[in-house]
Amino acid sequence: LLISSPYAIITVAVAYISGHLWTYIIFAYFSKREK
């Protein structure tokens, strides 16, 4: 699916960026747990 659809690849790549930003928000401002 990832190879056959450019939408899937782009969505997963942007989802990683978004998830990375959410984890930054969570760990920088709300939680001190690291693992």
ModelCIF file with pLDDT and N, C-alpha, C, O atoms, coordinates in Angstrom:
data_MODEL
#
_entry.id   MODEL 
#
_entity.id                         1 
_entity.type                       polymer 
_entity.pdbx_number_of_molecules   1 
#
_entity_poly.entity_id                      1 
_entity_poly.type                           'polypeptide(L)' 
_entity_poly.nstd_linkage                   no 
_entity_poly.nstd_monomer                   no 
_entity_poly.pdbx_seq_one_letter_code       LLISSPYAIITVAVAYISGHLWTYIIFAYFSKREK 
_entity_poly.pdbx_seq_one_letter_code_can   LLISSPYAIITVAVAYISGHLWTYIIFAYFSKREK 
_entity_poly.pdbx_strand_id                 A 
#
loop_
_entity_poly_seq.entity_id 
_entity_poly_seq.num 
_entity_poly_seq.mon_id 
_entity_poly_seq.hetero 
1 1  LEU n 
1 2  LEU n 
1 3  ILE n 
1 4  SER n 
1 5  SER n 
1 6  PRO n 
1 7  TYR n 
1 8  ALA n 
1 9  ILE n 
1 10 ILE n 
1 11 THR n 
1 12 VAL n 
1 13 ALA n 
1 14 VAL n 
1 15 ALA n 
1 16 TYR n 
1 17 ILE n 
1 18 SER n 
1 19 GLY n 
1 20 HIS n 
1 21 LEU n 
1 22 TRP n 
1 23 THR n 
1 24 TYR n 
1 25 ILE n 
1 26 ILE n 
1 27 PHE n 
1 28 ALA n 
1 29 TYR n 
1 30 PHE n 
1 31 SER n 
1 32 LYS n 
1 33 ARG n 
1 34 GLU n 
1 35 LYS n 
#
_struct_asym.id          A 
_struct_asym.entity_id   1 
#
loop_
_ma_qa_metric.id 
_ma_qa_metric.mode 
_ma_qa_metric.name 
_ma_qa_metric.software_group_id 
_ma_qa_metric.type 
1 global pLDDT . pLDDT 
2 local  pLDDT . pLDDT 
#
_ma_qa_metric_global.metric_id      1 
_ma_qa_metric_global.metric_value   83.31 
_ma_qa_metric_global.model_id       1 
_ma_qa_metric_global.ordinal_id     1 
#
loop_
_ma_qa_metric_local.label_asym_id 
_ma_qa_metric_local.label_comp_id 
_ma_qa_metric_local.label_seq_id 
_ma_qa_metric_local.metric_id 
_ma_qa_metric_local.metric_value 
_ma_qa_metric_local.model_id 
_ma_qa_metric_local.ordinal_id 
A LEU 1  2 73.00 1 1  
A LEU 2  2 72.00 1 2  
A ILE 3  2 77.00 1 3  
A SER 4  2 78.00 1 4  
A SER 5  2 78.00 1 5  
A PRO 6  2 79.00 1 6  
A TYR 7  2 79.00 1 7  
A ALA 8  2 81.00 1 8  
A ILE 9  2 84.00 1 9  
A ILE 10 2 86.00 1 10 
A THR 11 2 86.00 1 11 
A VAL 12 2 86.00 1 12 
A ALA 13 2 89.00 1 13 
A VAL 14 2 91.00 1 14 
A ALA 15 2 91.00 1 15 
A TYR 16 2 91.00 1 16 
A ILE 17 2 92.00 1 17 
A SER 18 2 92.00 1 18 
A GLY 19 2 91.00 1 19 
A HIS 20 2 90.00 1 20 
A LEU 21 2 90.00 1 21 
A TRP 22 2 90.00 1 22 
A THR 23 2 88.00 1 23 
A TYR 24 2 86.00 1 24 
A ILE 25 2 86.00 1 25 
A ILE 26 2 85.00 1 26 
A PHE 27 2 83.00 1 27 
A ALA 28 2 81.00 1 28 
A TYR 29 2 81.00 1 29 
A PHE 30 2 81.00 1 30 
A SER 31 2 79.00 1 31 
A LYS 32 2 76.00 1 32 
A ARG 33 2 74.00 1 33 
A GLU 34 2 73.00 1 34 
A LYS 35 2 77.00 1 35 
#
loop_
_atom_site.group_PDB 
_atom_site.id 
_atom_site.type_symbol 
_atom_site.label_atom_id 
_atom_site.label_alt_id 
_atom_site.label_comp_id 
_atom_site.label_asym_id 
_atom_site.label_entity_id 
_atom_site.label_seq_id 
_atom_site.pdbx_PDB_ins_code 
_atom_site.Cartn_x 
_atom_site.Cartn_y 
_atom_site.Cartn_z 
_atom_site.occupancy 
_atom_site.B_iso_or_equiv 
_atom_site.pdbx_formal_charge 
_atom_site.auth_seq_id 
_atom_site.auth_comp_id 
_atom_site.auth_asym_id 
_atom_site.auth_atom_id 
_atom_site.pdbx_PDB_model_num 
ATOM 1   N N  . LEU A 1 1  ? 0.829  -1.208 0.000  1.00 73.00 ? 1  LEU A N  1 
ATOM 2   C CA . LEU A 1 1  ? 0.000  0.000  0.000  1.00 73.00 ? 1  LEU A CA 1 
ATOM 3   C C  . LEU A 1 1  ? 0.861  1.255  0.000  1.00 73.00 ? 1  LEU A C  1 
ATOM 4   O O  . LEU A 1 1  ? 0.590  2.196  -0.747 1.00 73.00 ? 1  LEU A O  1 
ATOM 5   N N  . LEU A 1 2  ? 1.891  1.274  0.828  1.00 72.00 ? 2  LEU A N  1 
ATOM 6   C CA . LEU A 1 2  ? 2.753  2.452  0.902  1.00 72.00 ? 2  LEU A CA 1 
ATOM 7   C C  . LEU A 1 2  ? 3.476  2.704  -0.419 1.00 72.00 ? 2  LEU A C  1 
ATOM 8   O O  . LEU A 1 2  ? 3.658  3.852  -0.823 1.00 72.00 ? 2  LEU A O  1 
ATOM 9   N N  . ILE A 1 3  ? 3.884  1.637  -1.082 1.00 77.00 ? 3  ILE A N  1 
ATOM 10  C CA . ILE A 1 3  ? 4.605  1.792  -2.347 1.00 77.00 ? 3  ILE A CA 1 
ATOM 11  C C  . ILE A 1 3  ? 3.668  2.211  -3.472 1.00 77.00 ? 3  ILE A C  1 
ATOM 12  O O  . ILE A 1 3  ? 4.054  2.996  -4.338 1.00 77.00 ? 3  ILE A O  1 
ATOM 13  N N  . SER A 1 4  ? 2.441  1.695  -3.468 1.00 78.00 ? 4  SER A N  1 
ATOM 14  C CA . SER A 1 4  ? 1.531  1.947  -4.584 1.00 78.00 ? 4  SER A CA 1 
ATOM 15  C C  . SER A 1 4  ? 0.816  3.293  -4.498 1.00 78.00 ? 4  SER A C  1 
ATOM 16  O O  . SER A 1 4  ? 0.302  3.770  -5.509 1.00 78.00 ? 4  SER A O  1 
ATOM 17  N N  . SER A 1 5  ? 0.770  3.908  -3.341 1.00 78.00 ? 5  SER A N  1 
ATOM 18  C CA . SER A 1 5  ? -0.015 5.134  -3.197 1.00 78.00 ? 5  SER A CA 1 
ATOM 19  C C  . SER A 1 5  ? 0.846  6.284  -2.683 1.00 78.00 ? 5  SER A C  1 
ATOM 20  O O  . SER A 1 5  ? 1.410  6.194  -1.592 1.00 78.00 ? 5  SER A O  1 
ATOM 21  N N  . PRO A 1 6  ? 0.953  7.358  -3.452 1.00 79.00 ? 6  PRO A N  1 
ATOM 22  C CA . PRO A 1 6  ? 1.704  8.509  -2.951 1.00 79.00 ? 6  PRO A CA 1 
ATOM 23  C C  . PRO A 1 6  ? 1.012  9.168  -1.766 1.00 79.00 ? 6  PRO A C  1 
ATOM 24  O O  . PRO A 1 6  ? 1.674  9.772  -0.922 1.00 79.00 ? 6  PRO A O  1 
ATOM 25  N N  . TYR A 1 7  ? -0.326 9.058  -1.693 1.00 79.00 ? 7  TYR A N  1 
ATOM 26  C CA . TYR A 1 7  ? -1.046 9.618  -0.554 1.00 79.00 ? 7  TYR A CA 1 
ATOM 27  C C  . TYR A 1 7  ? -0.620 8.945  0.743  1.00 79.00 ? 7  TYR A C  1 
ATOM 28  O O  . TYR A 1 7  ? -0.450 9.604  1.769  1.00 79.00 ? 7  TYR A O  1 
ATOM 29  N N  . ALA A 1 8  ? -0.453 7.644  0.689  1.00 81.00 ? 8  ALA A N  1 
ATOM 30  C CA . ALA A 1 8  ? -0.092 6.895  1.893  1.00 81.00 ? 8  ALA A CA 1 
ATOM 31  C C  . ALA A 1 8  ? 1.303  7.282  2.378  1.00 81.00 ? 8  ALA A C  1 
ATOM 32  O O  . ALA A 1 8  ? 1.509  7.488  3.574  1.00 81.00 ? 8  ALA A O  1 
ATOM 33  N N  . ILE A 1 9  ? 2.242  7.379  1.475  1.00 84.00 ? 9  ILE A N  1 
ATOM 34  C CA . ILE A 1 9  ? 3.615  7.727  1.860  1.00 84.00 ? 9  ILE A CA 1 
ATOM 35  C C  . ILE A 1 9  ? 3.667  9.135  2.450  1.00 84.00 ? 9  ILE A C  1 
ATOM 36  O O  . ILE A 1 9  ? 4.297  9.354  3.484  1.00 84.00 ? 9  ILE A O  1 
ATOM 37  N N  . ILE A 1 10 ? 3.013  10.075 1.801  1.00 86.00 ? 10 ILE A N  1 
ATOM 38  C CA . ILE A 1 10 ? 3.005  11.455 2.286  1.00 86.00 ? 10 ILE A CA 1 
ATOM 39  C C  . ILE A 1 10 ? 2.293  11.548 3.631  1.00 86.00 ? 10 ILE A C  1 
ATOM 40  O O  . ILE A 1 10 ? 2.748  12.253 4.532  1.00 86.00 ? 10 ILE A O  1 
ATOM 41  N N  . THR A 1 11 ? 1.184  10.841 3.764  1.00 86.00 ? 11 THR A N  1 
ATOM 42  C CA . THR A 1 11 ? 0.437  10.875 5.021  1.00 86.00 ? 11 THR A CA 1 
ATOM 43  C C  . THR A 1 11 ? 1.254  10.312 6.168  1.00 86.00 ? 11 THR A C  1 
ATOM 44  O O  . THR A 1 11 ? 1.254  10.876 7.262  1.00 86.00 ? 11 THR A O  1 
ATOM 45  N N  . VAL A 1 12 ? 1.949  9.212  5.938  1.00 86.00 ? 12 VAL A N  1 
ATOM 46  C CA . VAL A 1 12 ? 2.778  8.628  7.001  1.00 86.00 ? 12 VAL A CA 1 
ATOM 47  C C  . VAL A 1 12 ? 3.936  9.567  7.356  1.00 86.00 ? 12 VAL A C  1 
ATOM 48  O O  . VAL A 1 12 ? 4.268  9.725  8.531  1.00 86.00 ? 12 VAL A O  1 
ATOM 49  N N  . ALA A 1 13 ? 4.546  10.185 6.354  1.00 89.00 ? 13 ALA A N  1 
ATOM 50  C CA . ALA A 1 13 ? 5.657  11.098 6.630  1.00 89.00 ? 13 ALA A CA 1 
ATOM 51  C C  . ALA A 1 13 ? 5.190  12.314 7.429  1.00 89.00 ? 13 ALA A C  1 
ATOM 52  O O  . ALA A 1 13 ? 5.842  12.712 8.394  1.00 89.00 ? 13 ALA A O  1 
ATOM 53  N N  . VAL A 1 14 ? 4.067  12.900 7.032  1.00 91.00 ? 14 VAL A N  1 
ATOM 54  C CA . VAL A 1 14 ? 3.558  14.068 7.744  1.00 91.00 ? 14 VAL A CA 1 
ATOM 55  C C  . VAL A 1 14 ? 3.001  13.671 9.111  1.00 91.00 ? 14 VAL A C  1 
ATOM 56  O O  . VAL A 1 14 ? 3.068  14.453 10.059 1.00 91.00 ? 14 VAL A O  1 
ATOM 57  N N  . ALA A 1 15 ? 2.450  12.454 9.217  1.00 91.00 ? 15 ALA A N  1 
ATOM 58  C CA . ALA A 1 15 ? 1.977  11.958 10.518 1.00 91.00 ? 15 ALA A CA 1 
ATOM 59  C C  . ALA A 1 15 ? 3.146  11.817 11.488 1.00 91.00 ? 15 ALA A C  1 
ATOM 60  O O  . ALA A 1 15 ? 2.995  12.086 12.679 1.00 91.00 ? 15 ALA A O  1 
ATOM 61  N N  . TYR A 1 16 ? 4.303  11.399 10.993 1.00 91.00 ? 16 TYR A N  1 
ATOM 62  C CA . TYR A 1 16 ? 5.479  11.301 11.856 1.00 91.00 ? 16 TYR A CA 1 
ATOM 63  C C  . TYR A 1 16 ? 5.863  12.691 12.373 1.00 91.00 ? 16 TYR A C  1 
ATOM 64  O O  . TYR A 1 16 ? 6.159  12.852 13.557 1.00 91.00 ? 16 TYR A O  1 
ATOM 65  N N  . ILE A 1 17 ? 5.860  13.678 11.501 1.00 92.00 ? 17 ILE A N  1 
ATOM 66  C CA . ILE A 1 17 ? 6.197  15.044 11.917 1.00 92.00 ? 17 ILE A CA 1 
ATOM 67  C C  . ILE A 1 17 ? 5.187  15.555 12.938 1.00 92.00 ? 17 ILE A C  1 
ATOM 68  O O  . ILE A 1 17 ? 5.562  16.149 13.949 1.00 92.00 ? 17 ILE A O  1 
ATOM 69  N N  . SER A 1 18 ? 3.915  15.324 12.671 1.00 92.00 ? 18 SER A N  1 
ATOM 70  C CA . SER A 1 18 ? 2.875  15.758 13.588 1.00 92.00 ? 18 SER A CA 1 
ATOM 71  C C  . SER A 1 18 ? 2.987  15.045 14.933 1.00 92.00 ? 18 SER A C  1 
ATOM 72  O O  . SER A 1 18 ? 2.892  15.673 15.987 1.00 92.00 ? 18 SER A O  1 
ATOM 73  N N  . GLY A 1 19 ? 3.188  13.741 14.889 1.00 91.00 ? 19 GLY A N  1 
ATOM 74  C CA . GLY A 1 19 ? 3.346  12.981 16.131 1.00 91.00 ? 19 GLY A CA 1 
ATOM 75  C C  . GLY A 1 19 ? 4.573  13.409 16.907 1.00 91.00 ? 19 GLY A C  1 
ATOM 76  O O  . GLY A 1 19 ? 4.553  13.442 18.138 1.00 91.00 ? 19 GLY A O  1 
ATOM 77  N N  . HIS A 1 20 ? 5.643  13.738 16.195 1.00 90.00 ? 20 HIS A N  1 
ATOM 78  C CA . HIS A 1 20 ? 6.856  14.228 16.850 1.00 90.00 ? 20 HIS A CA 1 
ATOM 79  C C  . HIS A 1 20 ? 6.582  15.553 17.556 1.00 90.00 ? 20 HIS A C  1 
ATOM 80  O O  . HIS A 1 20 ? 7.054  15.776 18.670 1.00 90.00 ? 20 HIS A O  1 
ATOM 81  N N  . LEU A 1 21 ? 5.818  16.430 16.908 1.00 90.00 ? 21 LEU A N  1 
ATOM 82  C CA . LEU A 1 21 ? 5.473  17.700 17.522 1.00 90.00 ? 21 LEU A CA 1 
ATOM 83  C C  . LEU A 1 21 ? 4.571  17.499 18.732 1.00 90.00 ? 21 LEU A C  1 
ATOM 84  O O  . LEU A 1 21 ? 4.741  18.175 19.746 1.00 90.00 ? 21 LEU A O  1 
ATOM 85  N N  . TRP A 1 22 ? 3.609  16.575 18.640 1.00 90.00 ? 22 TRP A N  1 
ATOM 86  C CA . TRP A 1 22 ? 2.750  16.295 19.799 1.00 90.00 ? 22 TRP A CA 1 
ATOM 87  C C  . TRP A 1 22 ? 3.548  15.729 20.960 1.00 90.00 ? 22 TRP A C  1 
ATOM 88  O O  . TRP A 1 22 ? 3.305  16.094 22.110 1.00 90.00 ? 22 TRP A O  1 
ATOM 89  N N  . THR A 1 23 ? 4.508  14.834 20.677 1.00 88.00 ? 23 THR A N  1 
ATOM 90  C CA . THR A 1 23 ? 5.314  14.300 21.781 1.00 88.00 ? 23 THR A CA 1 
ATOM 91  C C  . THR A 1 23 ? 6.157  15.400 22.404 1.00 88.00 ? 23 THR A C  1 
ATOM 92  O O  . THR A 1 23 ? 6.369  15.405 23.617 1.00 88.00 ? 23 THR A O  1 
ATOM 93  N N  . TYR A 1 24 ? 6.640  16.332 21.591 1.00 86.00 ? 24 TYR A N  1 
ATOM 94  C CA . TYR A 1 24 ? 7.369  17.465 22.154 1.00 86.00 ? 24 TYR A CA 1 
ATOM 95  C C  . TYR A 1 24 ? 6.474  18.267 23.096 1.00 86.00 ? 24 TYR A C  1 
ATOM 96  O O  . TYR A 1 24 ? 6.885  18.619 24.202 1.00 86.00 ? 24 TYR A O  1 
ATOM 97  N N  . ILE A 1 25 ? 5.251  18.553 22.653 1.00 86.00 ? 25 ILE A N  1 
ATOM 98  C CA . ILE A 1 25 ? 4.320  19.315 23.488 1.00 86.00 ? 25 ILE A CA 1 
ATOM 99  C C  . ILE A 1 25 ? 4.037  18.571 24.786 1.00 86.00 ? 25 ILE A C  1 
ATOM 100 O O  . ILE A 1 25 ? 4.050  19.165 25.865 1.00 86.00 ? 25 ILE A O  1 
ATOM 101 N N  . ILE A 1 26 ? 3.783  17.284 24.680 1.00 85.00 ? 26 ILE A N  1 
ATOM 102 C CA . ILE A 1 26 ? 3.447  16.488 25.864 1.00 85.00 ? 26 ILE A CA 1 
ATOM 103 C C  . ILE A 1 26 ? 4.608  16.455 26.844 1.00 85.00 ? 26 ILE A C  1 
ATOM 104 O O  . ILE A 1 26 ? 4.423  16.722 28.031 1.00 85.00 ? 26 ILE A O  1 
ATOM 105 N N  . PHE A 1 27 ? 5.805  16.129 26.361 1.00 83.00 ? 27 PHE A N  1 
ATOM 106 C CA . PHE A 1 27 ? 6.927  15.959 27.277 1.00 83.00 ? 27 PHE A CA 1 
ATOM 107 C C  . PHE A 1 27 ? 7.548  17.277 27.733 1.00 83.00 ? 27 PHE A C  1 
ATOM 108 O O  . PHE A 1 27 ? 8.127  17.336 28.817 1.00 83.00 ? 27 PHE A O  1 
ATOM 109 N N  . ALA A 1 28 ? 7.440  18.322 26.939 1.00 81.00 ? 28 ALA A N  1 
ATOM 110 C CA . ALA A 1 28 ? 8.020  19.601 27.341 1.00 81.00 ? 28 ALA A CA 1 
ATOM 111 C C  . ALA A 1 28 ? 7.139  20.357 28.322 1.00 81.00 ? 28 ALA A C  1 
ATOM 112 O O  . ALA A 1 28 ? 7.646  21.069 29.189 1.00 81.00 ? 28 ALA A O  1 
ATOM 113 N N  . TYR A 1 29 ? 5.815  20.208 28.195 1.00 81.00 ? 29 TYR A N  1 
ATOM 114 C CA . TYR A 1 29 ? 4.928  21.047 28.987 1.00 81.00 ? 29 TYR A CA 1 
ATOM 115 C C  . TYR A 1 29 ? 4.042  20.296 29.984 1.00 81.00 ? 29 TYR A C  1 
ATOM 116 O O  . TYR A 1 29 ? 3.561  20.897 30.945 1.00 81.00 ? 29 TYR A O  1 
ATOM 117 N N  . PHE A 1 30 ? 3.820  19.005 29.777 1.00 81.00 ? 30 PHE A N  1 
ATOM 118 C CA . PHE A 1 30 ? 2.837  18.333 30.625 1.00 81.00 ? 30 PHE A CA 1 
ATOM 119 C C  . PHE A 1 30 ? 3.353  17.098 31.364 1.00 81.00 ? 30 PHE A C  1 
ATOM 120 O O  . PHE A 1 30 ? 2.832  16.781 32.433 1.00 81.00 ? 30 PHE A O  1 
ATOM 121 N N  . SER A 1 31 ? 4.326  16.407 30.853 1.00 79.00 ? 31 SER A N  1 
ATOM 122 C CA . SER A 1 31 ? 4.756  15.156 31.464 1.00 79.00 ? 31 SER A CA 1 
ATOM 123 C C  . SER A 1 31 ? 6.277  15.100 31.500 1.00 79.00 ? 31 SER A C  1 
ATOM 124 O O  . SER A 1 31 ? 6.949  15.583 30.589 1.00 79.00 ? 31 SER A O  1 
ATOM 125 N N  . LYS A 1 32 ? 6.802  14.515 32.543 1.00 76.00 ? 32 LYS A N  1 
ATOM 126 C CA . LYS A 1 32 ? 8.255  14.379 32.653 1.00 76.00 ? 32 LYS A CA 1 
ATOM 127 C C  . LYS A 1 32 ? 8.725  12.953 32.392 1.00 76.00 ? 32 LYS A C  1 
ATOM 128 O O  . LYS A 1 32 ? 9.918  12.668 32.489 1.00 76.00 ? 32 LYS A O  1 
ATOM 129 N N  . ARG A 1 33 ? 7.787  12.044 32.057 1.00 74.00 ? 33 ARG A N  1 
ATOM 130 C CA . ARG A 1 33 ? 8.176  10.665 31.761 1.00 74.00 ? 33 ARG A CA 1 
ATOM 131 C C  . ARG A 1 33 ? 8.918  10.623 30.440 1.00 74.00 ? 33 ARG A C  1 
ATOM 132 O O  . ARG A 1 33 ? 8.509  11.253 29.464 1.00 74.00 ? 33 ARG A O  1 
ATOM 133 N N  . GLU A 1 34 ? 9.990  9.891  30.416 1.00 73.00 ? 34 GLU A N  1 
ATOM 134 C CA . GLU A 1 34 ? 10.813 9.846  29.209 1.00 73.00 ? 34 GLU A CA 1 
ATOM 135 C C  . GLU A 1 34 ? 10.555 8.607  28.356 1.00 73.00 ? 34 GLU A C  1 
ATOM 136 O O  . GLU A 1 34 ? 10.548 8.710  27.129 1.00 73.00 ? 34 GLU A O  1 
ATOM 137 N N  . LYS A 1 35 ? 10.346 7.450  28.956 1.00 77.00 ? 35 LYS A N  1 
ATOM 138 C CA . LYS A 1 35 ? 10.224 6.206  28.202 1.00 77.00 ? 35 LYS A CA 1 
ATOM 139 C C  . LYS A 1 35 ? 8.763  5.817  28.032 1.00 77.00 ? 35 LYS A C  1 
ATOM 140 O O  . LYS A 1 35 ? 8.464  4.792  27.419 1.00 77.00 ? 35 LYS A O  1 
#
